[in-house]
PDB file of all heavy atoms in Angstrom:
ATOM      1  N   ARG A   1      91.034  97.561 100.754  1.00  0.00           N
ATOM      2  CA  ARG A   1      90.916  96.398 101.641  1.00  0.00           C
ATOM      3  C   ARG A   1      91.742  95.236 101.103  1.00  0.00           C
ATOM      4  O   ARG A   1      92.411  94.527 101.867  1.00  0.00           O
ATOM      5  CB  ARG A   1      89.446  96.003 101.770  1.00  0.00           C
ATOM      6  CG  ARG A   1      89.201  94.934 102.822  1.00  0.00           C
ATOM      7  CD  ARG A   1      87.721  94.720 103.036  1.00  0.00           C
ATOM      8  NE  ARG A   1      87.466  93.699 104.040  1.00  0.00           N
ATOM      9  CZ  ARG A   1      86.254  93.295 104.409  1.00  0.00           C
ATOM     10  NH1 ARG A   1      85.191  93.861 103.858  1.00  0.00           N
ATOM     11  NH2 ARG A   1      86.103  92.361 105.312  1.00  0.00           N
ATOM     12  N   ALA A   2      91.717  95.044  99.784  1.00  0.00           N
ATOM     13  CA  ALA A   2      92.540  94.004  99.170  1.00  0.00           C
ATOM     14  C   ALA A   2      94.022  94.305  99.367  1.00  0.00           C
ATOM     15  O   ALA A   2      94.819  93.410  99.665  1.00  0.00           O
ATOM     16  CB  ALA A   2      92.212  93.889  97.684  1.00  0.00           C
ATOM     17  N   ALA A   3      94.398  95.573  99.199  1.00  0.00           N
ATOM     18  CA  ALA A   3      95.799  95.961  99.379  1.00  0.00           C
ATOM     19  C   ALA A   3      96.271  95.646 100.794  1.00  0.00           C
ATOM     20  O   ALA A   3      97.370  95.111 100.998  1.00  0.00           O
ATOM     21  CB  ALA A   3      95.974  97.440  99.061  1.00  0.00           C
ATOM     22  N   ALA A   4      95.444  95.966 101.779  1.00  0.00           N
ATOM     23  CA  ALA A   4      95.815  95.717 103.168  1.00  0.00           C
ATOM     24  C   ALA A   4      95.878  94.224 103.465  1.00  0.00           C
ATOM     25  O   ALA A   4      96.807  93.749 104.122  1.00  0.00           O
ATOM     26  CB  ALA A   4      94.818  96.400 104.101  1.00  0.00           C
ATOM     27  N   GLY A   5      94.898  93.474 102.958  1.00  0.00           N
ATOM     28  CA  GLY A   5      94.808  92.060 103.287  1.00  0.00           C
ATOM     29  C   GLY A   5      95.772  91.178 102.521  1.00  0.00           C
ATOM     30  O   GLY A   5      96.093  90.069 102.974  1.00  0.00           O
ATOM     31  N   LEU A   6      96.238  91.658 101.357  1.00  0.00           N
ATOM     32  CA  LEU A   6      97.060  90.813 100.496  1.00  0.00           C
ATOM     33  C   LEU A   6      98.482  91.319 100.353  1.00  0.00           C
ATOM     34  O   LEU A   6      99.219  90.888  99.464  1.00  0.00           O
ATOM     35  CB  LEU A   6      96.387  90.672  99.117  1.00  0.00           C
ATOM     36  CG  LEU A   6      95.028  89.970  99.185  1.00  0.00           C
ATOM     37  CD1 LEU A   6      94.296  90.081  97.851  1.00  0.00           C
ATOM     38  CD2 LEU A   6      95.190  88.499  99.559  1.00  0.00           C
ATOM     39  N   GLY A   7      98.873  92.241 101.217  1.00  0.00           N
ATOM     40  CA  GLY A   7     100.284  92.531 101.352  1.00  0.00           C
ATOM     41  C   GLY A   7     100.858  93.649 100.515  1.00  0.00           C
ATOM     42  O   GLY A   7     102.084  93.749 100.402  1.00  0.00           O
ATOM     43  N   ALA A   8     100.022  94.519  99.932  1.00  0.00           N
ATOM     44  CA  ALA A   8     100.587  95.682  99.246  1.00  0.00           C
ATOM     45  C   ALA A   8     101.193  96.625 100.277  1.00  0.00           C
ATOM     46  O   ALA A   8     100.660  96.806 101.363  1.00  0.00           O
ATOM     47  CB  ALA A   8      99.514  96.408  98.433  1.00  0.00           C
ATOM     48  N   ASP A   9     102.315  97.212  99.922  1.00  0.00           N
ATOM     49  CA  ASP A   9     103.003  98.111 100.850  1.00  0.00           C
ATOM     50  C   ASP A   9     102.484  99.539 100.780  1.00  0.00           C
ATOM     51  O   ASP A   9     102.694 100.326 101.714  1.00  0.00           O
ATOM     52  CB  ASP A   9     104.504  98.123 100.543  1.00  0.00           C
ATOM     53  CG  ASP A   9     105.110  96.738 100.667  1.00  0.00           C
ATOM     54  OD1 ASP A   9     105.027  96.167 101.761  1.00  0.00           O
ATOM     55  OD2 ASP A   9     105.646  96.228  99.664  1.00  0.00           O
ATOM     56  N   ALA A  10     101.830  99.891  99.669  1.00  0.00           N
ATOM     57  CA  ALA A  10     101.345 101.256  99.493  1.00  0.00           C
ATOM     58  C   ALA A  10     100.307 101.276  98.384  1.00  0.00           C
ATOM     59  O   ALA A  10     100.236 100.358  97.551  1.00  0.00           O
ATOM     60  CB  ALA A  10     102.496 102.205  99.145  1.00  0.00           C
ATOM     61  N   VAL A  11      99.504 102.332  98.379  1.00  0.00           N
ATOM     62  CA  VAL A  11      98.538 102.580  97.306  1.00  0.00           C
ATOM     63  C   VAL A  11      98.747 104.005  96.814  1.00  0.00           C
ATOM     64  O   VAL A  11      98.908 104.934  97.621  1.00  0.00           O
ATOM     65  CB  VAL A  11      97.079 102.404  97.788  1.00  0.00           C
ATOM     66  CG1 VAL A  11      96.105 102.723  96.656  1.00  0.00           C
ATOM     67  CG2 VAL A  11      96.847 100.986  98.302  1.00  0.00           C
ATOM     68  N   LEU A  12      98.741 104.161  95.491  1.00  0.00           N
ATOM     69  CA  LEU A  12      98.808 105.485  94.880  1.00  0.00           C
ATOM     70  C   LEU A  12      97.555 105.682  94.060  1.00  0.00           C
ATOM     71  O   LEU A  12      97.102 104.760  93.378  1.00  0.00           O
ATOM     72  CB  LEU A  12     100.049 105.602  93.986  1.00  0.00           C
ATOM     73  CG  LEU A  12     101.399 105.383  94.687  1.00  0.00           C
ATOM     74  CD1 LEU A  12     102.519 105.354  93.653  1.00  0.00           C
ATOM     75  CD2 LEU A  12     101.649 106.454  95.730  1.00  0.00           C
ATOM     76  N   VAL A  13      96.968 106.867  94.123  1.00  0.00           N
ATOM     77  CA  VAL A  13      95.756 107.148  93.365  1.00  0.00           C
ATOM     78  C   VAL A  13      96.003 108.350  92.462  1.00  0.00           C
ATOM     79  O   VAL A  13      96.729 109.276  92.822  1.00  0.00           O
ATOM     80  CB  VAL A  13      94.542 107.403  94.287  1.00  0.00           C
ATOM     81  CG1 VAL A  13      94.262 106.171  95.140  1.00  0.00           C
ATOM     82  CG2 VAL A  13      94.751 108.605  95.183  1.00  0.00           C
ATOM     83  N   SER A  14      95.402 108.305  91.279  1.00  0.00           N
ATOM     84  CA  SER A  14      95.585 109.393  90.326  1.00  0.00           C
ATOM     85  C   SER A  14      94.826 110.630  90.773  1.00  0.00           C
ATOM     86  O   SER A  14      93.994 110.596  91.683  1.00  0.00           O
ATOM     87  CB  SER A  14      95.106 108.965  88.935  1.00  0.00           C
ATOM     88  OG  SER A  14      93.696 108.840  88.917  1.00  0.00           O
ATOM     89  N   GLU A  15      95.095 111.738  90.090  1.00  0.00           N
ATOM     90  CA  GLU A  15      94.457 113.005  90.454  1.00  0.00           C
ATOM     91  C   GLU A  15      92.941 112.933  90.330  1.00  0.00           C
ATOM     92  O   GLU A  15      92.219 113.580  91.079  1.00  0.00           O
ATOM     93  CB  GLU A  15      94.997 114.123  89.551  1.00  0.00           C
ATOM     94  CG  GLU A  15      96.478 114.429  89.779  1.00  0.00           C
ATOM     95  CD  GLU A  15      97.036 115.407  88.775  1.00  0.00           C
ATOM     96  OE1 GLU A  15      96.699 115.277  87.573  1.00  0.00           O
ATOM     97  OE2 GLU A  15      97.789 116.303  89.163  1.00  0.00           O
ATOM     98  N   ARG A  16      92.443 112.140  89.367  1.00  0.00           N
ATOM     99  CA  ARG A  16      90.993 112.061  89.123  1.00  0.00           C
ATOM    100  C   ARG A  16      90.340 110.852  89.782  1.00  0.00           C
ATOM    101  O   ARG A  16      89.144 110.618  89.592  1.00  0.00           O
ATOM    102  CB  ARG A  16      90.722 112.045  87.616  1.00  0.00           C
ATOM    103  CG  ARG A  16      91.137 113.335  86.920  1.00  0.00           C
ATOM    104  CD  ARG A  16      90.679 113.375  85.476  1.00  0.00           C
ATOM    105  NE  ARG A  16      91.329 112.337  84.677  1.00  0.00           N
ATOM    106  CZ  ARG A  16      91.104 112.132  83.390  1.00  0.00           C
ATOM    107  NH1 ARG A  16      90.220 112.881  82.749  1.00  0.00           N
ATOM    108  NH2 ARG A  16      91.745 111.174  82.735  1.00  0.00           N
ATOM    109  N   CYS A  17      91.093 110.113  90.560  1.00  0.00           N
ATOM    110  CA  CYS A  17      90.528 108.953  91.255  1.00  0.00           C
ATOM    111  C   CYS A  17      89.630 109.425  92.391  1.00  0.00           C
ATOM    112  O   CYS A  17      89.871 110.462  93.015  1.00  0.00           O
ATOM    113  CB  CYS A  17      91.661 108.082  91.789  1.00  0.00           C
ATOM    114  SG  CYS A  17      91.130 106.521  92.521  1.00  0.00           S
ATOM    115  N   ALA A  18      88.597 108.651  92.683  1.00  0.00           N
ATOM    116  CA  ALA A  18      87.698 108.976  93.794  1.00  0.00           C
ATOM    117  C   ALA A  18      88.466 109.041  95.105  1.00  0.00           C
ATOM    118  O   ALA A  18      89.488 108.380  95.287  1.00  0.00           O
ATOM    119  CB  ALA A  18      86.585 107.931  93.880  1.00  0.00           C
ATOM    120  N   ASP A  19      87.959 109.825  96.031  1.00  0.00           N
ATOM    121  CA  ASP A  19      88.616 110.101  97.304  1.00  0.00           C
ATOM    122  C   ASP A  19      88.602 108.867  98.213  1.00  0.00           C
ATOM    123  O   ASP A  19      87.536 108.412  98.624  1.00  0.00           O
ATOM    124  CB  ASP A  19      87.889 111.263  97.985  1.00  0.00           C
ATOM    125  CG  ASP A  19      88.531 111.707  99.286  1.00  0.00           C
ATOM    126  OD1 ASP A  19      89.638 111.231  99.605  1.00  0.00           O
ATOM    127  OD2 ASP A  19      87.923 112.547  99.979  1.00  0.00           O
ATOM    128  N   PRO A  20      89.776 108.316  98.558  1.00  0.00           N
ATOM    129  CA  PRO A  20      89.790 107.183  99.495  1.00  0.00           C
ATOM    130  C   PRO A  20      89.208 107.516 100.861  1.00  0.00           C
ATOM    131  O   PRO A  20      88.797 106.611 101.594  1.00  0.00           O
ATOM    132  CB  PRO A  20      91.285 106.844  99.600  1.00  0.00           C
ATOM    133  CG  PRO A  20      91.887 107.343  98.324  1.00  0.00           C
ATOM    134  CD  PRO A  20      91.120 108.605  98.020  1.00  0.00           C
ATOM    135  N   LEU A  21      89.168 108.801 101.223  1.00  0.00           N
ATOM    136  CA  LEU A  21      88.634 109.192 102.524  1.00  0.00           C
ATOM    137  C   LEU A  21      87.155 109.588 102.467  1.00  0.00           C
ATOM    138  O   LEU A  21      86.614 110.066 103.465  1.00  0.00           O
ATOM    139  CB  LEU A  21      89.461 110.340 103.118  1.00  0.00           C
ATOM    140  CG  LEU A  21      90.892 109.978 103.514  1.00  0.00           C
ATOM    141  CD1 LEU A  21      91.601 111.183 104.130  1.00  0.00           C
ATOM    142  CD2 LEU A  21      90.931 108.795 104.467  1.00  0.00           C
ATOM    143  N   TYR A  22      86.520 109.389 101.318  1.00  0.00           N
ATOM    144  CA  TYR A  22      85.072 109.603 101.267  1.00  0.00           C
ATOM    145  C   TYR A  22      84.403 108.523 102.125  1.00  0.00           C
ATOM    146  O   TYR A  22      84.882 107.387 102.217  1.00  0.00           O
ATOM    147  CB  TYR A  22      84.569 109.548  99.825  1.00  0.00           C
ATOM    148  CG  TYR A  22      83.071 109.767  99.707  1.00  0.00           C
ATOM    149  CD1 TYR A  22      82.514 111.012  99.978  1.00  0.00           C
ATOM    150  CD2 TYR A  22      82.219 108.729  99.350  1.00  0.00           C
ATOM    151  CE1 TYR A  22      81.135 111.221  99.892  1.00  0.00           C
ATOM    152  CE2 TYR A  22      80.848 108.922  99.262  1.00  0.00           C
ATOM    153  CZ  TYR A  22      80.312 110.164  99.539  1.00  0.00           C
ATOM    154  OH  TYR A  22      78.958 110.361  99.469  1.00  0.00           O
ATOM    155  N   ARG A  23      83.305 108.868 102.756  1.00  0.00           N
ATOM    156  CA  ARG A  23      82.656 108.004 103.749  1.00  0.00           C
ATOM    157  C   ARG A  23      82.433 106.573 103.241  1.00  0.00           C
ATOM    158  O   ARG A  23      82.720 105.599 103.947  1.00  0.00           O
ATOM    159  CB  ARG A  23      81.305 108.643 104.147  1.00  0.00           C
ATOM    160  CG  ARG A  23      80.507 107.890 105.188  1.00  0.00           C
ATOM    161  CD  ARG A  23      79.312 108.732 105.584  1.00  0.00           C
ATOM    162  NE  ARG A  23      78.503 109.104 104.435  1.00  0.00           N
ATOM    163  CZ  ARG A  23      77.472 108.382 103.980  1.00  0.00           C
ATOM    164  NH1 ARG A  23      77.136 107.261 104.581  1.00  0.00           N
ATOM    165  NH2 ARG A  23      76.788 108.787 102.936  1.00  0.00           N
ATOM    166  N   ARG A  24      81.935 106.411 102.018  1.00  0.00           N
ATOM    167  CA  ARG A  24      81.670 105.063 101.499  1.00  0.00           C
ATOM    168  C   ARG A  24      82.974 104.291 101.274  1.00  0.00           C
ATOM    169  O   ARG A  24      83.049 103.090 101.554  1.00  0.00           O
ATOM    170  CB  ARG A  24      80.862 105.137 100.204  1.00  0.00           C
ATOM    171  CG  ARG A  24      80.486 103.767  99.641  1.00  0.00           C
ATOM    172  CD  ARG A  24      79.660 103.904  98.382  1.00  0.00           C
ATOM    173  NE  ARG A  24      78.378 104.517  98.637  1.00  0.00           N
ATOM    174  CZ  ARG A  24      77.295 103.849  99.069  1.00  0.00           C
ATOM    175  NH1 ARG A  24      77.379 102.557  99.306  1.00  0.00           N
ATOM    176  NH2 ARG A  24      76.161 104.479  99.258  1.00  0.00           N
ATOM    177  N   SER A  25      84.002 104.976 100.767  1.00  0.00           N
ATOM    178  CA  SER A  25      85.288 104.307 100.565  1.00  0.00           C
ATOM    179  C   SER A  25      85.849 103.804 101.888  1.00  0.00           C
ATOM    180  O   SER A  25      86.330 102.674 101.988  1.00  0.00           O
ATOM    181  CB  SER A  25      86.293 105.268  99.918  1.00  0.00           C
ATOM    182  OG  SER A  25      85.867 105.695  98.656  1.00  0.00           O
ATOM    183  N   VAL A  26      85.797 104.662 102.897  1.00  0.00           N
ATOM    184  CA  VAL A  26      86.318 104.299 104.211  1.00  0.00           C
ATOM    185  C   VAL A  26      85.560 103.105 104.763  1.00  0.00           C
ATOM    186  O   VAL A  26      86.149 102.148 105.283  1.00  0.00           O
ATOM    187  CB  VAL A  26      86.234 105.499 105.180  1.00  0.00           C
ATOM    188  CG1 VAL A  26      86.597 105.065 106.598  1.00  0.00           C
ATOM    189  CG2 VAL A  26      87.149 106.624 104.721  1.00  0.00           C
ATOM    190  N   ARG A  27      84.224 103.138 104.647  1.00  0.00           N
ATOM    191  CA  ARG A  27      83.403 102.071 105.210  1.00  0.00           C
ATOM    192  C   ARG A  27      83.657 100.741 104.501  1.00  0.00           C
ATOM    193  O   ARG A  27      83.835  99.703 105.154  1.00  0.00           O
ATOM    194  CB  ARG A  27      81.920 102.441 105.132  1.00  0.00           C
ATOM    195  CG  ARG A  27      81.024 101.448 105.869  1.00  0.00           C
ATOM    196  CD  ARG A  27      79.592 101.923 105.926  1.00  0.00           C
ATOM    197  NE  ARG A  27      78.936 101.801 104.636  1.00  0.00           N
ATOM    198  CZ  ARG A  27      78.383 102.808 103.974  1.00  0.00           C
ATOM    199  NH1 ARG A  27      78.432 104.036 104.463  1.00  0.00           N
ATOM    200  NH2 ARG A  27      77.789 102.621 102.818  1.00  0.00           N
ATOM    201  N   VAL A  28      83.668 100.760 103.157  1.00  0.00           N
ATOM    202  CA  VAL A  28      83.895  99.522 102.408  1.00  0.00           C
ATOM    203  C   VAL A  28      85.288  98.966 102.675  1.00  0.00           C
ATOM    204  O   VAL A  28      85.485  97.753 102.729  1.00  0.00           O
ATOM    205  CB  VAL A  28      83.682  99.769 100.901  1.00  0.00           C
ATOM    206  CG1 VAL A  28      84.117  98.557 100.072  1.00  0.00           C
ATOM    207  CG2 VAL A  28      82.220 100.092 100.613  1.00  0.00           C
ATOM    208  N   SER A  29      86.255  99.847 102.891  1.00  0.00           N
ATOM    209  CA  SER A  29      87.619  99.389 103.171  1.00  0.00           C
ATOM    210  C   SER A  29      87.762  98.818 104.573  1.00  0.00           C
ATOM    211  O   SER A  29      88.818  98.282 104.912  1.00  0.00           O
ATOM    212  CB  SER A  29      88.605 100.549 103.000  1.00  0.00           C
ATOM    213  OG  SER A  29      88.632 101.380 104.149  1.00  0.00           O
ATOM    214  N   MET A  30      86.722  98.951 105.392  1.00  0.00           N
ATOM    215  CA  MET A  30      86.765  98.547 106.805  1.00  0.00           C
ATOM    216  C   MET A  30      87.860  99.306 107.554  1.00  0.00           C
ATOM    217  O   MET A  30      88.498  98.789 108.470  1.00  0.00           O
ATOM    218  CB  MET A  30      86.982  97.036 106.930  1.00  0.00           C
ATOM    219  CG  MET A  30      85.828  96.207 106.405  1.00  0.00           C
ATOM    220  SD  MET A  30      84.300  96.442 107.340  1.00  0.00           S
ATOM    221  CE  MET A  30      84.720  95.689 108.897  1.00  0.00           C
ATOM    222  N   GLY A  31      88.086 100.558 107.125  1.00  0.00           N
ATOM    223  CA  GLY A  31      89.068 101.392 107.805  1.00  0.00           C
ATOM    224  C   GLY A  31      90.502 101.141 107.386  1.00  0.00           C
ATOM    225  O   GLY A  31      91.418 101.762 107.935  1.00  0.00           O
ATOM    226  N   THR A  32      90.729 100.261 106.410  1.00  0.00           N
ATOM    227  CA  THR A  32      92.110  99.982 105.992  1.00  0.00           C
ATOM    228  C   THR A  32      92.728 101.137 105.206  1.00  0.00           C
ATOM    229  O   THR A  32      93.943 101.128 104.974  1.00  0.00           O
ATOM    230  CB  THR A  32      92.195  98.688 105.160  1.00  0.00           C
ATOM    231  OG1 THR A  32      91.316  98.780 104.039  1.00  0.00           O
ATOM    232  CG2 THR A  32      91.824  97.470 106.006  1.00  0.00           C
ATOM    233  N   VAL A  33      91.929 102.132 104.819  1.00  0.00           N
ATOM    234  CA  VAL A  33      92.517 103.330 104.205  1.00  0.00           C
ATOM    235  C   VAL A  33      93.414 104.060 105.197  1.00  0.00           C
ATOM    236  O   VAL A  33      94.257 104.867 104.797  1.00  0.00           O
ATOM    237  CB  VAL A  33      91.437 104.304 103.669  1.00  0.00           C
ATOM    238  CG1 VAL A  33      90.682 103.701 102.507  1.00  0.00           C
ATOM    239  CG2 VAL A  33      90.488 104.730 104.773  1.00  0.00           C
ATOM    240  N   PHE A  34      93.253 103.775 106.496  1.00  0.00           N
ATOM    241  CA  PHE A  34      94.117 104.366 107.512  1.00  0.00           C
ATOM    242  C   PHE A  34      95.335 103.485 107.798  1.00  0.00           C
ATOM    243  O   PHE A  34      96.241 103.900 108.508  1.00  0.00           O
ATOM    244  CB  PHE A  34      93.343 104.569 108.820  1.00  0.00           C
ATOM    245  CG  PHE A  34      92.016 105.247 108.646  1.00  0.00           C
ATOM    246  CD1 PHE A  34      90.856 104.661 109.109  1.00  0.00           C
ATOM    247  CD2 PHE A  34      91.932 106.471 107.999  1.00  0.00           C
ATOM    248  CE1 PHE A  34      89.621 105.285 108.942  1.00  0.00           C
ATOM    249  CE2 PHE A  34      90.708 107.100 107.828  1.00  0.00           C
ATOM    250  CZ  PHE A  34      89.559 106.502 108.299  1.00  0.00           C
ATOM    251  N   GLN A  35      95.320 102.304 107.252  1.00  0.00           N
ATOM    252  CA  GLN A  35      96.360 101.318 107.547  1.00  0.00           C
ATOM    253  C   GLN A  35      97.442 101.290 106.471  1.00  0.00           C
ATOM    254  O   GLN A  35      98.629 101.133 106.787  1.00  0.00           O
ATOM    255  CB  GLN A  35      95.696  99.942 107.664  1.00  0.00           C
ATOM    256  CG  GLN A  35      96.615  98.770 107.917  1.00  0.00           C
ATOM    257  CD  GLN A  35      95.822  97.474 108.020  1.00  0.00           C
ATOM    258  OE1 GLN A  35      94.652  97.460 108.401  1.00  0.00           O
ATOM    259  NE2 GLN A  35      96.456  96.369 107.662  1.00  0.00           N
TER     260      GLN A  35
END
């Protein structure tokens, strides 16, 4: 959500990072994981 709101062009996650598409991640991001 911070990346979307503050102008990051992309996000990269490591192999062991939690899934951005997990239900809680998606909800907290307000759907910006799709943006």
